[in-house]
């Protein structure tokens, strides 16, 4: 059921939804004794293609816990499977997906699924393929993951056992030594040979299923960081030359991204390494191909790298502990409470935890988890002096017995009034892959949707429409430390990130942004007559009929 907006500012054609939109924003500049503020309005036209493409997704790390769980969830939901648990029957669902299981308010007491605002790909129509260094078929990979109950795994087996990952790029130097035991399905040859094979795989997949679009998403294990080297990966041209010369320090994830971008495919990085070296970002911008991930200023990592040139990028699914942290710190700072110490302890037993037991791979994860509070701290100069920020420590340990059921324990110490202190201690059990799989779905569906949205200034109706910037920062809600266009601010506040997605979708349908002012319930002449009727009495829960 699609939302249809009746407004002179919205036009529905067979091909497009076209909306006129007044985008209002503010510019401010600090002066000696005041802050000069200018309010600005840009009159825009949004155009969204209504035709939903036949979409395929290729996962790097298809046979890992995330990839196998995502595939199983797609099949279970498509077949509307139900199975027995200790608490009764359980139906397949997409709980945890913002596109499939969350709603937006469009009017008083009217909420609709987010997926109803604009035409979006139906998950049941997704076609899936991918690569993995392990040759296990997807049924065996799902059983190995120990994520789903055995009865459901058996039901899914005939639907998954014929799905086998393509041979994958493997470089032992980028992952923990313990990953070598899984690597029985790897590509040989030079880096250029490997890139050509990945490009051929993408083209074969596209042709086999007659797909309109293909999205490539990395959900393999965490790599170590790559040095940014002038003349090697600082420009698109130099990166291409480095691949052709078989330069040793180019990560597998960068090779996958290079191949995907070269084929015009959106590339999303789901692990915290710095896949998006400057040359790769430049290539995406040149080819106008979407990428999503995170952005690091070099000076925060200078001790780790062997060069002092450039920027760092990467990505990581924001699923459990980090999502809670971005909400809680936002709440504390917004309430005028000063977090001074944040200590996060994790232990997990899946292959992600096994790989992260190596120091260099852990450092990639530590960085992505540690930067999620920076913008919220910087927003309050009353609480924090310039350069001041909370002590923030992240610990991750590998405990095989707990498997995919990650334990996260956090202690937040905050200063309150008159030198007092408030301490919050939180224990969070996260079923890792069941939290990550819905994020994979959202990243794929939203990346595709935003590729169909174009915009231009209303005053110049003869101008061509422009797509969003190739660095798709609107997907920040789903990533630990989001990739943003160079020179633009990084936003980690979960509320602001979700509002960004929702309000862009609203703008494309001609709806105003959700401001939560609800003046129609606060200003007498805007209030409806029902507001003046006798209010309902408060309901009190009765116990034993008393």
Protein backbone atom coordinates (compact mmCIF):
# COMPACT_ATOMS: atom_id res chain seq x y z
CA UNK A 1 0.00 0.00 0.00
CA UNK A 2 1.68 3.17 -1.23
CA UNK A 3 1.22 6.58 0.41
CA UNK A 4 -0.34 9.07 -2.04
CA UNK A 5 -0.06 12.76 -1.14
CA UNK A 6 -2.74 15.10 -2.47
CA UNK A 7 -0.90 18.39 -2.91
CA UNK A 8 -0.24 20.93 -5.68
CA UNK A 9 3.45 20.39 -4.92
CA UNK A 10 3.39 16.71 -5.90
CA UNK A 11 2.93 15.19 -9.35
CA UNK A 12 2.56 11.47 -10.05
CA UNK A 13 3.43 10.37 -13.58
CA UNK A 14 3.75 6.84 -14.92
CA UNK A 15 7.52 7.11 -14.56
CA UNK A 16 8.19 9.52 -11.69
CA UNK A 17 7.04 11.02 -8.40
CA UNK A 18 7.95 14.71 -8.65
CA UNK A 19 7.76 17.00 -5.63
CA UNK A 20 8.47 20.68 -5.06
CA UNK A 21 10.16 21.25 -1.75
CA UNK A 22 11.33 24.26 0.25
CA UNK A 23 14.51 23.20 2.01
CA UNK A 24 15.18 25.55 4.91
CA UNK A 25 18.52 25.63 6.68
CA UNK A 26 20.68 27.94 8.76
CA UNK A 27 24.19 29.35 8.48
CA UNK A 28 25.80 30.80 11.59
CA UNK A 29 29.06 32.61 12.31
CA UNK A 30 30.56 33.51 15.67
CA UNK A 31 31.42 37.17 16.09
CA UNK A 32 33.01 39.00 19.04
CA UNK A 33 29.89 39.40 21.16
CA UNK A 34 27.21 37.56 19.22
CA UNK A 35 26.41 34.79 16.80
CA UNK A 36 25.24 36.00 13.39
CA UNK A 37 22.57 33.69 11.98
CA UNK A 38 21.18 33.65 8.45
CA UNK A 39 18.11 31.60 7.56
CA UNK A 40 18.16 30.31 4.00
CA UNK A 41 15.65 28.59 1.74
CA UNK A 42 16.43 26.52 -1.33
CA UNK A 43 13.48 25.74 -3.59
CA UNK A 44 14.09 22.24 -4.91
CA UNK A 45 12.46 19.63 -7.11
CA UNK A 46 12.85 15.96 -6.22
CA UNK A 47 12.23 13.28 -8.82
CA UNK A 48 11.99 9.61 -7.86
CA UNK A 49 11.75 6.82 -10.42
CA UNK A 50 8.70 4.70 -9.67
CA UNK A 51 9.86 1.55 -11.46
CA UNK A 52 11.55 -0.80 -9.02
CA UNK A 53 14.44 -2.69 -10.65
CA UNK A 54 15.13 -6.38 -10.58
CA UNK A 55 17.87 -6.30 -7.97
CA UNK A 56 20.67 -8.69 -7.16
CA UNK A 57 23.05 -8.56 -4.20
CA UNK A 58 26.46 -10.19 -4.08
CA UNK A 59 27.92 -10.75 -0.63
CA UNK A 60 31.64 -10.96 0.06
CA UNK A 61 31.74 -13.52 2.87
CA UNK A 62 28.51 -15.18 1.75
CA UNK A 63 29.22 -18.31 3.82
CA UNK A 64 29.93 -16.43 7.04
CA UNK A 65 27.42 -16.14 9.87
CA UNK A 66 25.96 -12.87 8.56
CA UNK A 67 25.75 -14.02 4.95
CA UNK A 68 24.23 -17.40 5.78
CA UNK A 69 21.75 -15.86 8.24
CA UNK A 70 20.73 -13.18 5.73
CA UNK A 71 20.17 -15.79 3.02
CA UNK A 72 18.19 -18.01 5.39
CA UNK A 73 16.03 -15.06 6.47
CA UNK A 74 15.28 -14.15 2.85
CA UNK A 75 14.16 -17.70 2.10
CA UNK A 76 12.21 -18.14 5.36
CA UNK A 77 10.31 -14.89 4.83
CA UNK A 78 9.62 -15.61 1.17
CA UNK A 79 8.24 -19.06 2.04
CA UNK A 80 6.44 -17.69 5.14
CA UNK A 81 7.95 -20.41 7.27
CA UNK A 82 6.86 -21.14 10.82
CA UNK A 83 8.64 -23.33 13.36
CA UNK A 84 8.23 -24.46 16.95
CA UNK A 85 10.22 -22.93 19.81
CA UNK A 86 10.05 -23.37 23.58
CA UNK A 87 7.69 -20.39 23.66
CA UNK A 88 5.39 -21.64 20.89
CA UNK A 89 5.22 -21.12 17.14
CA UNK A 90 7.52 -18.55 15.57
CA UNK A 91 6.82 -16.97 12.17
CA UNK A 92 9.56 -15.64 9.92
CA UNK A 93 9.88 -11.86 10.11
CA UNK A 94 12.24 -8.95 9.53
CA UNK A 95 12.28 -7.51 13.06
CA UNK A 96 15.29 -5.22 13.35
CA UNK A 97 14.89 -3.84 9.82
CA UNK A 98 14.05 -0.15 9.64
CA UNK A 99 12.53 -0.54 6.16
CA UNK A 100 10.43 -3.62 6.98
CA UNK A 101 9.56 -3.31 10.67
CA UNK A 102 9.45 0.40 11.55
CA UNK A 103 6.84 3.07 10.89
CA UNK A 104 6.77 6.82 10.29
CA UNK A 105 4.12 9.29 11.38
CA UNK A 106 2.41 11.02 8.47
CA UNK A 107 -0.54 12.53 10.36
CA UNK A 108 -2.05 12.59 13.82
CA UNK A 109 -2.48 8.97 14.93
CA UNK A 110 -1.59 7.72 11.43
CA UNK A 111 1.63 5.73 11.12
CA UNK A 112 2.69 3.79 8.05
CA UNK A 113 5.59 1.41 7.35
CA UNK A 114 8.64 3.28 6.10
CA UNK A 115 8.60 1.10 2.98
CA UNK A 116 5.23 2.62 1.99
CA UNK A 117 6.54 6.16 1.50
CA UNK A 118 8.25 5.45 -1.83
CA UNK A 119 8.44 2.43 -4.17
CA UNK A 120 11.08 0.08 -2.77
CA UNK A 121 12.34 -3.39 -3.73
CA UNK A 122 10.39 -6.24 -2.15
CA UNK A 123 12.85 -8.42 -0.18
CA UNK A 124 11.09 -11.50 -1.56
CA UNK A 125 12.29 -10.51 -5.03
CA UNK A 126 15.98 -10.13 -4.14
CA UNK A 127 18.40 -12.42 -5.97
CA UNK A 128 21.50 -13.38 -3.98
CA UNK A 129 24.98 -14.64 -4.83
CA UNK A 130 28.48 -14.09 -3.52
CA UNK A 131 32.00 -15.18 -2.68
CA UNK A 132 33.63 -16.89 0.29
CA UNK A 133 37.06 -18.28 1.13
CA UNK A 134 35.28 -21.36 2.51
CA UNK A 135 33.82 -23.80 -0.02
CA UNK A 136 30.96 -24.91 2.24
CA UNK A 137 27.53 -24.67 0.62
CA UNK A 138 25.08 -22.29 2.30
CA UNK A 139 23.18 -25.06 4.10
CA UNK A 140 26.39 -26.34 5.67
CA UNK A 141 27.48 -22.78 6.44
CA UNK A 142 24.16 -22.10 8.20
CA UNK A 143 24.56 -25.25 10.28
CA UNK A 144 28.15 -24.29 11.16
CA UNK A 145 27.02 -20.84 12.33
CA UNK A 146 24.71 -22.27 15.04
CA UNK A 147 22.53 -19.15 14.70
CA UNK A 148 19.18 -20.73 13.77
CA UNK A 149 17.47 -23.62 15.63
CA UNK A 150 18.25 -27.10 14.21
CA UNK A 151 14.66 -27.75 13.09
CA UNK A 152 14.63 -24.59 10.97
CA UNK A 153 18.07 -25.36 9.56
CA UNK A 154 16.74 -28.73 8.35
CA UNK A 155 13.69 -27.12 6.73
CA UNK A 156 15.94 -24.62 4.94
CA UNK A 157 18.52 -27.20 3.86
CA UNK A 158 16.97 -28.14 0.47
CA UNK A 159 16.66 -24.43 -0.37
CA UNK A 160 20.27 -23.63 0.52
CA UNK A 161 22.47 -26.67 -0.18
CA UNK A 162 22.69 -25.95 -3.92
CA UNK A 163 23.89 -22.41 -3.26
CA UNK A 164 27.69 -22.42 -3.27
CA UNK A 165 29.98 -19.41 -2.92
CA UNK A 166 32.27 -18.37 -5.73
CA UNK A 167 36.02 -18.50 -5.12
CA UNK A 168 37.17 -15.47 -3.13
CA UNK A 169 40.21 -13.23 -2.83
CA UNK A 170 42.33 -14.18 0.19
CA UNK A 171 45.40 -12.42 1.57
CA UNK A 172 46.71 -13.88 4.84
CA UNK A 173 48.49 -10.62 5.64
CA UNK A 174 45.14 -8.85 6.19
CA UNK A 175 43.42 -11.26 8.57
CA UNK A 176 44.34 -13.28 11.64
CA UNK A 177 46.50 -16.38 11.18
CA UNK A 178 43.60 -18.53 12.38
CA UNK A 179 41.56 -17.71 9.25
CA UNK A 180 43.85 -19.80 7.06
CA UNK A 181 42.11 -23.02 8.09
CA UNK A 182 38.88 -21.85 6.39
CA UNK A 183 40.55 -20.78 3.15
CA UNK A 184 39.90 -23.68 0.75
CA UNK A 185 38.08 -21.69 -1.96
CA UNK A 186 40.44 -18.91 -3.01
CA UNK A 187 41.39 -17.13 -6.21
CA UNK A 188 44.93 -17.40 -7.51
CA UNK A 189 46.78 -15.04 -9.81
CA UNK A 190 47.83 -11.41 -9.59
CA UNK A 191 45.69 -8.65 -8.13
CA UNK A 192 44.70 -7.60 -11.64
CA UNK A 193 43.68 -11.20 -12.42
CA UNK A 194 41.60 -11.28 -9.24
CA UNK A 195 39.87 -7.98 -10.05
CA UNK A 196 39.05 -9.21 -13.57
CA UNK A 197 37.59 -12.44 -12.14
CA UNK A 198 35.38 -10.52 -9.70
CA UNK A 199 34.20 -8.26 -12.54
CA UNK A 200 33.43 -11.34 -14.66
CA UNK A 201 31.52 -12.87 -11.74
CA UNK A 202 29.40 -9.74 -11.42
CA UNK A 203 28.65 -9.69 -15.14
CA UNK A 204 27.81 -13.41 -15.19
CA UNK A 205 25.44 -12.98 -12.24
CA UNK A 206 23.79 -9.97 -13.89
CA UNK A 207 23.26 -11.82 -17.17
CA UNK A 208 22.19 -15.12 -15.59
CA UNK A 209 19.27 -13.51 -13.75
CA UNK A 210 18.69 -10.62 -16.23
CA UNK A 211 19.17 -8.12 -13.42
CA UNK A 212 18.72 -4.38 -13.74
CA UNK A 213 21.02 -3.58 -10.81
CA UNK A 214 23.64 -5.37 -8.71
CA UNK A 215 24.85 -4.24 -5.28
CA UNK A 216 28.05 -5.67 -3.79
CA UNK A 217 28.30 -5.77 0.01
CA UNK A 218 31.26 -6.82 2.15
CA UNK A 219 30.17 -8.90 5.15
CA UNK A 220 33.41 -10.86 5.46
CA UNK A 221 35.69 -10.68 8.47
CA UNK A 222 37.61 -7.58 9.57
CA UNK A 223 40.88 -6.71 7.83
CA UNK A 224 43.80 -4.79 9.26
CA UNK A 225 44.20 -1.18 8.20
CA UNK A 226 45.98 -0.26 4.98
CA UNK A 227 48.56 2.52 4.75
CA UNK A 228 47.72 5.48 2.54
CA UNK A 229 50.75 5.82 0.28
CA UNK A 230 51.36 8.71 -2.09
CA UNK A 231 51.63 7.43 -5.63
CA UNK A 232 49.91 4.13 -4.77
CA UNK A 233 46.33 4.60 -3.55
CA UNK A 234 45.96 8.39 -3.24
CA UNK A 235 44.29 8.83 -6.65
CA UNK A 236 42.15 6.66 -8.91
CA UNK A 237 44.88 6.60 -11.56
CA UNK A 238 47.57 5.58 -9.07
CA UNK A 239 45.36 2.87 -7.56
CA UNK A 240 44.75 1.43 -11.01
CA UNK A 241 48.49 1.40 -11.73
CA UNK A 242 49.19 -0.22 -8.35
CA UNK A 243 46.73 -3.02 -9.08
CA UNK A 244 48.25 -3.60 -12.52
CA UNK A 245 51.75 -3.72 -11.00
CA UNK A 246 50.57 -6.18 -8.32
CA UNK A 247 51.53 -3.84 -5.47
CA UNK A 248 51.52 -5.91 -2.29
CA UNK A 249 49.65 -3.62 0.13
CA UNK A 250 46.18 -3.49 -1.46
CA UNK A 251 43.51 -5.15 0.65
CA UNK A 252 41.03 -7.72 -0.70
CA UNK A 253 38.13 -5.43 0.26
CA UNK A 254 39.62 -2.61 -1.83
CA UNK A 255 39.98 -5.00 -4.79
CA UNK A 256 36.32 -6.03 -4.49
CA UNK A 257 35.26 -2.39 -4.27
CA UNK A 258 37.41 -1.47 -7.28
CA UNK A 259 35.82 -4.27 -9.32
CA UNK A 260 32.28 -3.35 -8.25
CA UNK A 261 32.71 0.37 -8.95
CA UNK A 262 34.29 -0.43 -12.32
CA UNK A 263 31.14 -2.40 -13.19
CA UNK A 264 28.89 0.45 -12.03
CA UNK A 265 27.71 -1.40 -8.90
CA UNK A 266 27.04 0.25 -5.55
CA UNK A 267 29.57 -1.03 -2.99
CA UNK A 268 28.85 -1.18 0.75
CA UNK A 269 31.54 -2.08 3.27
CA UNK A 270 30.26 -3.92 6.35
CA UNK A 271 33.52 -4.24 8.30
CA UNK A 272 35.62 -1.55 10.00
CA UNK A 273 38.77 -1.61 7.85
CA UNK A 274 39.74 1.36 5.65
CA UNK A 275 38.59 -0.13 2.35
CA UNK A 276 37.83 3.28 0.87
CA UNK A 277 41.32 4.63 0.25
CA UNK A 278 41.33 8.09 -1.42
CA UNK A 279 41.88 6.65 -4.89
CA UNK A 280 38.83 4.44 -4.52
CA UNK A 281 36.63 7.35 -3.45
CA UNK A 282 37.91 9.34 -6.43
CA UNK A 283 37.02 6.44 -8.74
CA UNK A 284 33.48 6.28 -7.31
CA UNK A 285 33.08 10.03 -7.79
CA UNK A 286 34.35 9.85 -11.37
CA UNK A 287 31.97 7.03 -12.26
CA UNK A 288 29.11 8.40 -10.11
CA UNK A 289 28.75 5.08 -8.30
CA UNK A 290 27.43 4.94 -4.73
CA UNK A 291 29.60 3.77 -1.84
CA UNK A 292 28.90 3.64 1.89
CA UNK A 293 31.22 3.44 4.89
CA UNK A 294 33.05 5.61 7.44
CA UNK A 295 35.58 8.44 7.44
CA UNK A 296 38.61 9.07 9.69
CA UNK A 297 40.91 12.05 9.88
CA UNK A 298 44.50 10.87 9.69
CA UNK A 299 45.65 12.58 12.89
CA UNK A 300 43.56 10.19 15.01
CA UNK A 301 45.51 7.22 13.62
CA UNK A 302 48.99 8.61 13.07
CA UNK A 303 50.64 6.10 15.39
CA UNK A 304 49.19 3.19 13.43
CA UNK A 305 50.24 4.02 9.89
CA UNK A 306 53.52 4.26 8.09
CA UNK A 307 52.70 7.45 6.22
CA UNK A 308 51.30 10.86 7.12
CA UNK A 309 49.35 11.59 3.95
CA UNK A 310 45.64 11.41 3.35
CA UNK A 311 42.49 10.14 5.00
CA UNK A 312 41.18 6.88 6.37
CA UNK A 313 37.86 5.30 5.61
CA UNK A 314 36.08 2.07 6.51
CA UNK A 315 32.74 0.83 7.74
CA UNK A 316 31.02 -1.46 10.21
CA UNK A 317 27.42 -2.52 10.82
CA UNK A 318 25.87 -0.62 13.72
CA UNK A 319 23.80 -3.35 15.32
CA UNK A 320 24.03 -3.83 19.10
CA UNK A 321 26.30 -2.19 21.64
CA UNK A 322 27.32 0.73 19.41
CA UNK A 323 23.73 1.56 18.47
CA UNK A 324 22.81 1.70 22.16
CA UNK A 325 25.88 3.82 22.88
CA UNK A 326 24.99 6.40 20.22
CA UNK A 327 21.51 6.71 21.75
CA UNK A 328 22.60 6.84 25.37
CA UNK A 329 25.40 9.39 24.95
CA UNK A 330 23.09 11.56 22.84
CA UNK A 331 20.53 11.45 25.66
CA UNK A 332 23.09 12.26 28.38
CA UNK A 333 24.74 15.17 26.56
CA UNK A 334 21.36 16.57 25.44
CA UNK A 335 20.19 16.42 29.07
CA UNK A 336 23.19 18.48 30.20
CA UNK A 337 24.86 15.48 31.84
CA UNK A 338 28.59 15.02 31.20
CA UNK A 339 29.87 11.52 30.36
CA UNK A 340 33.49 11.35 31.55
CA UNK A 341 34.24 7.63 31.26
CA UNK A 342 32.87 5.02 28.86
CA UNK A 343 34.22 1.49 29.14
CA UNK A 344 32.85 -1.17 26.77
CA UNK A 345 33.68 -4.83 27.21
CA UNK A 346 32.66 -7.49 24.67
CA UNK A 347 33.14 -11.19 24.35
CA UNK A 348 31.89 -13.39 21.53
CA UNK A 349 32.61 -16.80 20.07
CA UNK A 350 31.86 -16.64 16.34
CA UNK A 351 34.44 -16.31 13.57
CA UNK A 352 34.33 -12.53 13.87
CA UNK A 353 35.52 -12.84 17.47
CA UNK A 354 38.12 -15.42 16.44
CA UNK A 355 39.56 -13.06 13.84
CA UNK A 356 39.44 -10.07 16.21
CA UNK A 357 41.65 -11.93 18.68
CA UNK A 358 44.56 -10.71 16.51
CA UNK A 359 45.80 -7.21 17.51
CA UNK A 360 45.76 -5.55 14.07
CA UNK A 361 42.23 -6.72 13.24
CA UNK A 362 41.04 -5.70 16.71
CA UNK A 363 42.48 -2.22 16.16
CA UNK A 364 40.23 -1.75 13.11
CA UNK A 365 37.17 -2.66 15.19
CA UNK A 366 38.32 -0.59 18.18
CA UNK A 367 38.56 2.55 16.07
CA UNK A 368 35.10 2.14 14.53
CA UNK A 369 33.53 1.56 17.98
CA UNK A 370 35.43 4.40 19.69
CA UNK A 371 34.54 7.33 17.43
CA UNK A 372 30.76 7.09 17.72
CA UNK A 373 30.45 9.73 20.47
CA UNK A 374 32.76 12.43 19.10
CA UNK A 375 30.24 14.70 17.38
CA UNK A 376 27.83 14.58 20.33
CA UNK A 377 30.62 15.58 22.72
CA UNK A 378 31.73 18.38 20.38
CA UNK A 379 28.17 19.74 20.23
CA UNK A 380 28.18 20.89 23.89
CA UNK A 381 30.86 23.45 24.76
CA UNK A 382 29.21 23.98 28.17
CA UNK A 383 30.11 20.46 29.26
CA UNK A 384 33.40 20.01 27.39
CA UNK A 385 36.30 22.40 26.92
CA UNK A 386 38.09 22.44 23.54
CA UNK A 387 39.93 19.15 23.08
CA UNK A 388 38.25 17.52 26.07
CA UNK A 389 36.35 14.26 25.66
CA UNK A 390 35.43 11.23 27.78
CA UNK A 391 37.88 8.44 28.51
CA UNK A 392 36.69 5.75 26.12
CA UNK A 393 37.99 2.17 26.22
CA UNK A 394 36.82 -0.78 24.11
CA UNK A 395 37.77 -4.39 24.92
CA UNK A 396 36.89 -7.44 22.77
CA UNK A 397 37.68 -11.02 23.80
CA UNK A 398 37.15 -14.33 22.02
CA UNK A 399 35.18 -16.91 24.02
CA UNK A 400 34.24 -19.83 21.72
CA UNK A 401 31.47 -21.26 23.91
CA UNK A 402 29.11 -18.27 23.56
CA UNK A 403 29.17 -18.52 19.75
CA UNK A 404 27.13 -15.88 17.94
CA UNK A 405 25.52 -14.67 21.18
CA UNK A 406 27.77 -11.70 21.93
CA UNK A 407 27.92 -10.26 25.44
CA UNK A 408 28.41 -6.53 25.77
CA UNK A 409 28.94 -4.85 29.14
CA UNK A 410 29.21 -1.09 29.45
CA UNK A 411 29.93 1.32 32.28
CA UNK A 412 29.08 4.99 31.80
CA UNK A 413 30.29 7.43 34.48
CA UNK A 414 28.91 10.97 34.17
CA UNK A 415 29.34 14.17 36.11
CA UNK A 416 26.11 15.73 37.38
CA UNK A 417 25.33 18.87 39.37
CA UNK A 418 27.73 20.17 42.04
CA UNK A 419 30.40 17.52 41.48
CA UNK A 420 28.09 14.55 41.80
CA UNK A 421 28.39 11.42 39.71
CA UNK A 422 25.95 9.10 38.00
CA UNK A 423 27.00 5.59 36.92
CA UNK A 424 25.11 3.40 34.47
CA UNK A 425 26.07 -0.26 34.06
CA UNK A 426 24.43 -2.14 31.19
CA UNK A 427 24.57 -5.81 30.22
CA UNK A 428 23.52 -6.46 26.63
CA UNK A 429 23.27 -9.91 25.04
CA UNK A 430 23.31 -9.46 21.27
CA UNK A 431 22.60 -12.32 18.88
CA UNK A 432 25.09 -10.87 16.47
CA UNK A 433 24.02 -12.21 13.08
CA UNK A 434 20.29 -11.82 13.80
CA UNK A 435 20.95 -8.13 14.45
CA UNK A 436 23.26 -7.71 11.44
CA UNK A 437 21.15 -9.49 8.79
CA UNK A 438 18.29 -6.92 8.88
CA UNK A 439 20.90 -4.16 8.51
CA UNK A 440 22.25 -5.84 5.38
CA UNK A 441 18.72 -5.81 3.98
CA UNK A 442 18.23 -2.13 4.85
CA UNK A 443 21.57 -1.11 3.38
CA UNK A 444 20.80 -2.88 0.10
CA UNK A 445 17.21 -1.63 -0.22
CA UNK A 446 17.93 1.96 0.79
CA UNK A 447 21.06 2.21 -1.35
CA UNK A 448 19.02 1.10 -4.35
CA UNK A 449 16.16 3.47 -3.51
CA UNK A 450 18.45 6.49 -3.13
CA UNK A 451 19.98 5.68 -6.52
CA UNK A 452 16.55 6.45 -8.05
CA UNK A 453 16.23 9.86 -6.36
CA UNK A 454 17.34 12.98 -8.25
CA UNK A 455 17.13 16.66 -7.36
CA UNK A 456 17.55 20.10 -8.93
CA UNK A 457 16.83 23.74 -8.12
CA UNK A 458 13.26 24.77 -8.87
CA UNK A 459 14.32 28.15 -10.28
CA UNK A 460 16.15 26.44 -13.12
CA UNK A 461 13.57 24.02 -14.52
CA UNK A 462 15.61 23.46 -17.69
CA UNK A 463 18.58 22.17 -15.70
CA UNK A 464 19.28 18.46 -15.52
CA UNK A 465 18.48 16.53 -12.37
CA UNK A 466 21.41 15.51 -10.18
CA UNK A 467 21.78 12.32 -8.14
CA UNK A 468 22.91 12.36 -4.52
CA UNK A 469 26.66 12.48 -3.86
CA UNK A 470 28.34 9.11 -4.53
CA UNK A 471 29.43 8.93 -0.87
CA UNK A 472 26.04 7.89 0.47
CA UNK A 473 26.17 9.43 3.95
CA UNK A 474 22.38 9.09 4.29
CA UNK A 475 23.07 5.46 5.28
CA UNK A 476 24.90 6.63 8.44
CA UNK A 477 22.10 5.21 10.60
CA UNK A 478 23.25 1.70 9.73
CA UNK A 479 27.01 2.20 10.17
CA UNK A 480 29.20 2.67 13.23
CA UNK A 481 31.27 5.57 11.91
CA UNK A 482 29.81 6.78 8.63
CA UNK A 483 31.59 7.68 5.43
CA UNK A 484 30.78 11.27 4.42
CA UNK A 485 31.88 13.51 1.54
CA UNK A 486 35.16 15.28 2.26
CA UNK A 487 34.68 18.49 4.23
CA UNK A 488 31.18 17.64 5.49
CA UNK A 489 30.28 16.97 9.14
CA UNK A 490 30.04 13.47 10.60
CA UNK A 491 26.80 12.77 12.48
CA UNK A 492 26.68 9.84 14.91
CA UNK A 493 23.49 10.69 16.82
CA UNK A 494 21.09 7.85 16.04
CA UNK A 495 18.02 10.09 16.26
CA UNK A 496 19.44 12.57 13.75
CA UNK A 497 20.57 9.77 11.43
CA UNK A 498 17.14 8.16 11.31
CA UNK A 499 15.44 11.55 10.94
CA UNK A 500 17.68 12.20 7.92
CA UNK A 501 16.45 9.06 6.15
CA UNK A 502 12.82 9.69 7.04
CA UNK A 503 12.80 13.38 6.10
CA UNK A 504 14.46 12.82 2.72
CA UNK A 505 11.83 10.19 1.93
CA UNK A 506 9.13 12.63 3.10
CA UNK A 507 10.56 15.39 0.90
CA UNK A 508 10.36 13.10 -2.12
CA UNK A 509 6.64 12.58 -1.48
CA UNK A 510 5.88 16.25 -0.81
CA UNK A 511 5.46 15.83 2.95
CA UNK A 512 6.97 18.38 5.36
CA UNK A 513 9.80 17.22 7.64
CA UNK A 514 8.83 15.69 10.97
CA UNK A 515 9.65 18.46 13.47
CA UNK A 516 7.69 17.05 16.44
CA UNK A 517 6.36 20.56 17.18
CA UNK A 518 2.72 19.36 16.86
CA UNK A 519 1.42 22.91 17.21
CA UNK A 520 -2.02 21.62 16.24
CA UNK A 521 -2.17 20.24 19.79
CA UNK A 522 -0.69 23.27 21.54
CA UNK A 523 -1.97 26.46 19.90
CA UNK A 524 -5.69 27.10 20.59
CA UNK A 525 -6.69 28.33 17.12
CA UNK A 526 -4.97 25.33 15.50
CA UNK A 527 -6.55 22.79 17.81
CA UNK A 528 -9.55 20.80 16.65
CA UNK A 529 -12.84 20.95 18.51
CA UNK A 530 -12.28 17.49 19.97
CA UNK A 531 -9.38 18.89 21.95
CA UNK A 532 -11.85 20.92 24.03
CA UNK A 533 -14.01 17.95 24.90
CA UNK A 534 -13.70 16.39 28.34
CA UNK A 535 -10.39 14.49 28.42
CA UNK A 536 -10.40 10.77 28.98
CA UNK A 537 -9.90 9.71 32.57
CA UNK A 538 -6.59 8.09 33.37
CA UNK A 539 -6.71 4.32 33.38
CA UNK A 540 -5.47 2.66 36.54
CA UNK A 541 -4.41 -0.97 36.54
CA UNK A 542 -6.53 -2.92 39.02
CA UNK A 543 -5.20 -5.88 40.94
CA UNK A 544 -7.59 -8.54 42.28
CA UNK A 545 -10.52 -6.42 41.08
CA UNK A 546 -9.74 -3.58 43.54
